[in-house]
Amino acid sequence: MKSDSDKLIAKHEQLIHSEGLTVYSHTQRDDGEWIQHSLMIDGYNVPFKFKRKARYRTLTGTKVNMTYYVDSMIVAGLEFEIMKVVRIKRC
């Protein structure tokens, strides 16, 4: 039986799935009706971002499984690479 992440990856080839990633920083900010979450992962130099309707308990120091894709955002005229998280789950 296929897992949820396997089904997503089969449907969307640009998705990347990683398991056992260690979160060393997790911030949450209000963004209108949504809460913007930013994660920094051990061994990566780019932020992983996702939005939720509610706050999430802190993920700092935990291991997570994530499905994400590469994206970019422009801040003050400069383009920055980010990872957009589609699915996140604690290990």
N, C-alpha and C. Protein backbone atom coordinates (compact mmCIF):
# COMPACT_ATOMS: atom_id res chain seq x y z
N MET A 1 0.84 -1.19 0.00
CA MET A 1 0.00 0.00 0.00
C MET A 1 0.88 1.25 0.00
N LYS A 2 0.55 2.21 -0.85
CA LYS A 2 1.32 3.44 -0.96
C LYS A 2 0.98 4.39 0.18
N SER A 3 2.01 5.11 0.65
CA SER A 3 1.78 6.12 1.68
C SER A 3 1.26 7.40 1.02
N ASP A 4 0.81 8.34 1.83
CA ASP A 4 0.31 9.63 1.31
C ASP A 4 1.39 10.36 0.53
N SER A 5 2.61 10.35 1.04
CA SER A 5 3.69 11.06 0.35
C SER A 5 4.02 10.40 -0.99
N ASP A 6 3.97 9.07 -1.06
CA ASP A 6 4.22 8.38 -2.33
C ASP A 6 3.17 8.75 -3.38
N LYS A 7 1.92 8.87 -2.95
CA LYS A 7 0.84 9.24 -3.86
C LYS A 7 1.04 10.67 -4.39
N LEU A 8 1.44 11.58 -3.48
CA LEU A 8 1.68 12.97 -3.90
C LEU A 8 2.83 13.06 -4.90
N ILE A 9 3.91 12.34 -4.63
CA ILE A 9 5.08 12.39 -5.50
C ILE A 9 4.78 11.78 -6.86
N ALA A 10 3.97 10.72 -6.89
CA ALA A 10 3.60 10.10 -8.16
C ALA A 10 2.76 11.07 -9.00
N LYS A 11 1.94 11.88 -8.33
CA LYS A 11 1.05 12.80 -9.03
C LYS A 11 1.78 14.08 -9.47
N HIS A 12 2.74 14.54 -8.67
CA HIS A 12 3.47 15.78 -8.94
C HIS A 12 4.97 15.49 -8.88
N GLU A 13 5.60 15.41 -10.02
CA GLU A 13 7.00 15.01 -10.10
C GLU A 13 7.98 16.01 -9.47
N GLN A 14 7.61 17.28 -9.34
CA GLN A 14 8.52 18.28 -8.81
C GLN A 14 8.64 18.21 -7.28
N LEU A 15 7.81 17.43 -6.62
CA LEU A 15 7.86 17.32 -5.16
C LEU A 15 9.07 16.50 -4.71
N ILE A 16 9.58 16.87 -3.55
CA ILE A 16 10.70 16.17 -2.93
C ILE A 16 10.21 15.69 -1.57
N HIS A 17 10.54 14.45 -1.21
CA HIS A 17 10.16 13.93 0.10
C HIS A 17 11.42 13.59 0.87
N SER A 18 11.52 14.10 2.11
CA SER A 18 12.68 13.82 2.96
C SER A 18 12.17 13.35 4.31
N GLU A 19 12.89 12.40 4.90
CA GLU A 19 12.51 11.84 6.19
C GLU A 19 13.61 12.05 7.21
N GLY A 20 13.22 12.21 8.47
CA GLY A 20 14.18 12.32 9.56
C GLY A 20 14.98 13.60 9.58
N LEU A 21 14.41 14.70 9.10
CA LEU A 21 15.09 15.99 9.11
C LEU A 21 14.99 16.61 10.50
N THR A 22 16.07 17.21 10.99
CA THR A 22 16.08 17.84 12.31
C THR A 22 15.83 19.33 12.17
N VAL A 23 14.83 19.83 12.87
CA VAL A 23 14.47 21.25 12.86
C VAL A 23 15.30 21.97 13.92
N TYR A 24 16.05 23.01 13.53
CA TYR A 24 16.79 23.76 14.55
C TYR A 24 16.21 25.15 14.80
N SER A 25 15.23 25.56 14.01
CA SER A 25 14.56 26.84 14.25
C SER A 25 13.14 26.77 13.68
N HIS A 26 12.17 27.22 14.47
CA HIS A 26 10.78 27.25 14.03
C HIS A 26 10.15 28.56 14.52
N THR A 27 9.71 29.40 13.58
CA THR A 27 9.04 30.65 13.93
C THR A 27 7.63 30.65 13.37
N GLN A 28 6.74 31.36 14.08
CA GLN A 28 5.34 31.47 13.67
C GLN A 28 4.95 32.94 13.71
N ARG A 29 4.37 33.43 12.61
CA ARG A 29 3.94 34.83 12.53
C ARG A 29 2.51 34.91 12.00
N ASP A 30 1.76 35.87 12.52
CA ASP A 30 0.42 36.12 12.00
C ASP A 30 0.53 36.71 10.61
N ASP A 31 -0.29 36.21 9.69
CA ASP A 31 -0.33 36.71 8.31
C ASP A 31 -1.79 36.79 7.90
N GLY A 32 -2.50 37.78 8.45
CA GLY A 32 -3.94 37.88 8.21
C GLY A 32 -4.66 36.77 8.95
N GLU A 33 -5.45 35.99 8.24
CA GLU A 33 -6.18 34.87 8.84
C GLU A 33 -5.28 33.66 9.07
N TRP A 34 -4.11 33.65 8.46
CA TRP A 34 -3.22 32.50 8.48
C TRP A 34 -2.07 32.73 9.45
N ILE A 35 -1.42 31.64 9.82
CA ILE A 35 -0.18 31.68 10.58
C ILE A 35 0.93 31.20 9.65
N GLN A 36 1.93 32.06 9.41
CA GLN A 36 3.06 31.71 8.55
C GLN A 36 4.13 31.03 9.41
N HIS A 37 4.51 29.82 9.03
CA HIS A 37 5.52 29.05 9.74
C HIS A 37 6.79 29.02 8.89
N SER A 38 7.93 29.23 9.53
CA SER A 38 9.23 29.14 8.86
C SER A 38 10.11 28.20 9.65
N LEU A 39 10.68 27.22 8.95
CA LEU A 39 11.55 26.24 9.59
C LEU A 39 12.95 26.35 8.98
N MET A 40 13.95 26.19 9.82
CA MET A 40 15.32 26.01 9.35
C MET A 40 15.69 24.59 9.72
N ILE A 41 16.23 23.87 8.74
CA ILE A 41 16.52 22.45 8.89
C ILE A 41 18.04 22.27 8.92
N ASP A 42 18.49 21.41 9.81
CA ASP A 42 19.92 21.11 9.94
C ASP A 42 20.47 20.59 8.61
N GLY A 43 21.50 21.24 8.09
CA GLY A 43 22.14 20.83 6.84
C GLY A 43 21.62 21.56 5.61
N TYR A 44 20.62 22.42 5.76
CA TYR A 44 20.06 23.20 4.64
C TYR A 44 20.25 24.68 4.92
N ASN A 45 20.49 25.46 3.88
CA ASN A 45 20.68 26.91 4.03
C ASN A 45 19.49 27.72 3.55
N VAL A 46 18.36 27.08 3.32
CA VAL A 46 17.17 27.78 2.85
C VAL A 46 16.02 27.53 3.83
N PRO A 47 15.12 28.51 3.97
CA PRO A 47 13.98 28.31 4.87
C PRO A 47 12.90 27.43 4.22
N PHE A 48 12.24 26.67 5.05
CA PHE A 48 11.09 25.86 4.64
C PHE A 48 9.87 26.57 5.19
N LYS A 49 8.91 26.91 4.32
CA LYS A 49 7.75 27.71 4.73
C LYS A 49 6.44 27.01 4.44
N PHE A 50 5.47 27.23 5.33
CA PHE A 50 4.11 26.76 5.11
C PHE A 50 3.16 27.60 5.95
N LYS A 51 1.89 27.57 5.58
CA LYS A 51 0.85 28.31 6.30
C LYS A 51 -0.16 27.34 6.87
N ARG A 52 -0.70 27.71 8.03
CA ARG A 52 -1.78 26.96 8.66
C ARG A 52 -2.77 27.95 9.25
N LYS A 53 -3.98 27.49 9.50
CA LYS A 53 -5.00 28.36 10.10
C LYS A 53 -4.74 28.57 11.60
N ALA A 54 -4.06 27.63 12.23
CA ALA A 54 -3.83 27.70 13.68
C ALA A 54 -2.35 27.60 13.98
N ARG A 55 -2.00 27.98 15.21
CA ARG A 55 -0.61 27.83 15.65
C ARG A 55 -0.29 26.35 15.80
N TYR A 56 0.99 26.04 15.69
CA TYR A 56 1.49 24.67 15.77
C TYR A 56 2.42 24.62 16.97
N ARG A 57 2.42 23.53 17.71
CA ARG A 57 3.38 23.47 18.80
C ARG A 57 4.79 23.51 18.20
N THR A 58 5.72 24.03 18.96
CA THR A 58 7.06 24.25 18.41
C THR A 58 7.69 22.96 17.91
N LEU A 59 8.36 23.06 16.79
CA LEU A 59 9.03 21.91 16.18
C LEU A 59 10.54 21.96 16.40
N THR A 60 11.04 22.99 17.08
CA THR A 60 12.46 23.13 17.32
C THR A 60 13.01 21.91 18.05
N GLY A 61 14.05 21.32 17.47
CA GLY A 61 14.70 20.16 18.09
C GLY A 61 14.07 18.82 17.75
N THR A 62 12.99 18.81 16.98
CA THR A 62 12.34 17.53 16.65
C THR A 62 12.76 17.05 15.26
N LYS A 63 12.47 15.82 14.99
CA LYS A 63 12.69 15.24 13.66
C LYS A 63 11.34 15.22 12.94
N VAL A 64 11.37 15.56 11.65
CA VAL A 64 10.14 15.62 10.86
C VAL A 64 10.34 14.95 9.51
N ASN A 65 9.23 14.50 8.94
CA ASN A 65 9.18 14.04 7.55
C ASN A 65 8.45 15.13 6.78
N MET A 66 8.99 15.55 5.64
CA MET A 66 8.37 16.62 4.86
C MET A 66 8.32 16.30 3.39
N THR A 67 7.26 16.79 2.76
CA THR A 67 7.15 16.78 1.31
C THR A 67 7.09 18.26 0.91
N TYR A 68 7.95 18.66 -0.02
CA TYR A 68 8.10 20.08 -0.36
C TYR A 68 8.57 20.23 -1.79
N TYR A 69 8.56 21.47 -2.27
CA TYR A 69 9.11 21.79 -3.58
C TYR A 69 9.86 23.11 -3.52
N VAL A 70 10.76 23.29 -4.46
CA VAL A 70 11.58 24.51 -4.53
C VAL A 70 10.74 25.64 -5.09
N ASP A 71 10.87 26.81 -4.49
CA ASP A 71 10.16 28.00 -4.93
C ASP A 71 11.08 29.19 -4.69
N SER A 72 10.65 30.37 -5.05
CA SER A 72 11.43 31.57 -4.77
C SER A 72 10.49 32.70 -4.40
N MET A 73 11.03 33.67 -3.67
CA MET A 73 10.26 34.86 -3.32
C MET A 73 11.15 36.07 -3.52
N ILE A 74 10.53 37.21 -3.80
CA ILE A 74 11.28 38.44 -4.03
C ILE A 74 11.06 39.36 -2.83
N VAL A 75 12.16 39.77 -2.23
CA VAL A 75 12.13 40.69 -1.09
C VAL A 75 13.03 41.86 -1.44
N ALA A 76 12.46 43.06 -1.45
CA ALA A 76 13.21 44.29 -1.75
C ALA A 76 13.98 44.17 -3.07
N GLY A 77 13.35 43.55 -4.05
CA GLY A 77 13.96 43.43 -5.37
C GLY A 77 14.97 42.31 -5.53
N LEU A 78 15.23 41.57 -4.46
CA LEU A 78 16.17 40.44 -4.51
C LEU A 78 15.40 39.13 -4.46
N GLU A 79 15.83 38.17 -5.26
CA GLU A 79 15.16 36.87 -5.30
C GLU A 79 15.85 35.91 -4.34
N PHE A 80 15.04 35.24 -3.49
CA PHE A 80 15.55 34.27 -2.53
C PHE A 80 14.89 32.92 -2.77
N GLU A 81 15.69 31.87 -2.69
CA GLU A 81 15.16 30.51 -2.82
C GLU A 81 14.55 30.08 -1.48
N ILE A 82 13.37 29.46 -1.55
CA ILE A 82 12.72 28.90 -0.37
C ILE A 82 12.17 27.52 -0.73
N MET A 83 11.80 26.78 0.27
CA MET A 83 11.14 25.50 0.07
C MET A 83 9.71 25.62 0.58
N LYS A 84 8.74 25.35 -0.28
CA LYS A 84 7.33 25.41 0.10
C LYS A 84 6.92 24.01 0.58
N VAL A 85 6.51 23.91 1.82
CA VAL A 85 6.13 22.62 2.42
C VAL A 85 4.69 22.30 2.07
N VAL A 86 4.47 21.11 1.55
CA VAL A 86 3.14 20.63 1.19
C VAL A 86 2.59 19.75 2.31
N ARG A 87 3.47 18.97 2.92
CA ARG A 87 3.07 18.03 3.96
C ARG A 87 4.20 17.93 4.98
N ILE A 88 3.84 18.00 6.27
CA ILE A 88 4.84 17.86 7.34
C ILE A 88 4.26 16.96 8.42
N LYS A 89 5.12 16.11 8.96
CA LYS A 89 4.68 15.19 10.00
C LYS A 89 5.86 14.91 10.93
N ARG A 90 5.59 14.94 12.24
CA ARG A 90 6.63 14.58 13.21
C ARG A 90 6.99 13.12 13.07
N CYS A 91 8.26 12.79 13.31
CA CYS A 91 8.70 11.38 13.27
C CYS A 91 8.31 10.68 14.56
